[in-house]
Protein backbone atom coordinates (compact mmCIF):
# COMPACT_ATOMS: atom_id res chain seq x y z
CA MET A 1 115.23 123.30 124.67
CA ILE A 2 115.99 120.80 127.39
CA LEU A 3 116.48 117.98 124.90
CA ASN A 4 118.98 120.00 122.89
CA THR A 5 120.86 120.88 126.06
CA LYS A 6 121.01 117.26 127.23
CA TRP A 7 121.99 116.11 123.75
CA SER A 8 124.72 118.74 123.52
CA VAL A 9 126.18 117.72 126.87
CA PHE A 10 126.16 114.07 125.83
CA ILE A 11 127.60 114.70 122.37
CA ASN A 12 130.33 116.94 123.74
CA SER A 13 131.33 114.49 126.48
CA LYS A 14 132.34 111.76 124.01
CA SER A 15 134.10 111.68 120.71
CA ARG A 16 132.15 110.96 117.56
CA SER A 17 133.94 107.64 117.06
CA GLU A 18 133.17 106.58 120.65
CA ILE A 19 129.45 107.23 120.16
CA VAL A 20 129.41 105.41 116.81
CA ALA A 21 131.15 102.39 118.34
CA GLU A 22 129.16 102.36 121.58
CA TYR A 23 125.75 102.44 119.88
CA ASP A 24 126.73 100.45 116.78
CA LEU A 25 125.76 103.33 114.47
CA THR A 26 126.99 104.39 111.11
CA PRO A 27 128.60 107.82 111.05
CA SER A 28 125.86 109.04 108.69
CA ALA A 29 123.14 107.91 111.14
CA LEU A 30 124.81 109.84 113.94
CA ASP A 31 125.10 112.92 111.71
CA ARG A 32 121.39 112.63 110.83
CA TRP A 33 120.45 112.40 114.51
CA ILE A 34 122.55 115.43 115.37
CA THR A 35 120.92 117.40 112.55
CA GLN A 36 117.43 116.35 113.65
CA ALA A 37 118.12 117.24 117.27
CA SER A 38 119.46 120.65 116.36
CA GLN A 39 116.62 121.47 113.95
CA SER A 40 113.51 120.19 115.71
CA GLY A 41 114.71 119.11 119.13
CA SER A 42 113.35 115.64 118.49
CA PHE A 43 114.57 112.33 117.18
CA LYS A 44 111.11 111.15 116.17
CA THR A 45 110.62 110.74 112.45
CA LYS A 46 107.22 112.44 112.48
CA ASP A 47 108.72 115.55 114.06
CA ASN A 48 111.40 115.79 111.39
CA ARG A 49 109.29 115.46 108.24
CA SER A 50 109.18 118.20 105.67
CA PRO A 51 105.82 119.86 104.93
CA GLN A 52 105.74 117.98 101.62
CA GLU A 53 106.25 114.64 103.36
CA GLN A 54 103.50 115.47 105.86
CA GLU A 55 101.12 116.42 103.05
CA LEU A 56 101.91 113.22 101.15
CA ILE A 57 101.20 111.11 104.24
CA ALA A 58 97.91 112.95 104.82
CA LEU A 59 96.89 112.49 101.18
CA ARG A 60 97.70 108.78 101.28
CA LYS A 61 95.64 108.41 104.45
CA GLU A 62 92.73 110.26 102.84
CA LEU A 63 93.00 108.10 99.69
CA LYS A 64 92.90 104.92 101.78
CA GLN A 65 89.80 106.19 103.60
CA LEU A 66 88.05 107.15 100.34
CA ARG A 67 88.81 103.76 98.77
CA MET A 68 87.37 102.02 101.81
CA GLU A 69 84.22 104.18 101.66
CA ASN A 70 83.93 103.47 97.93
CA ASP A 71 84.13 99.73 98.54
CA ILE A 72 81.41 99.99 101.20
CA LEU A 73 79.15 101.91 98.80
CA LYS A 74 79.73 99.32 96.05
CA GLN A 75 78.73 96.53 98.44
CA ALA A 76 75.65 98.46 99.55
CA ALA A 77 74.63 99.02 95.91
CA LEU A 78 74.94 95.30 95.22
CA ILE A 79 72.83 94.42 98.26
CA ILE A 80 70.15 96.97 97.36
CA GLY A 81 70.17 95.78 93.76
CA ARG A 82 69.60 92.19 94.83
CA LYS A 83 66.75 93.15 97.15
CA SER A 84 64.97 95.13 94.44
CA LEU A 85 65.12 92.10 92.09
CA SER A 86 63.48 89.83 94.68
């Protein structure tokens, strides 16, 4: 990948301590970025999630949507109930 190649050139041109100091990083953050770049070729969090994390996010999104739909149905039932009493 192009990103991995560019990252490798950059990482190899400077020492680890220079990069940490220059970008005000912790050594563990730099290590995490290197791992992410080598595994997925991306530094974006969404590209580096495990399948379980992706499933959990999708399920939470679905739950939020279902709760919203449920609230809408409850409001509609109340409105219809009031109209039938009138």
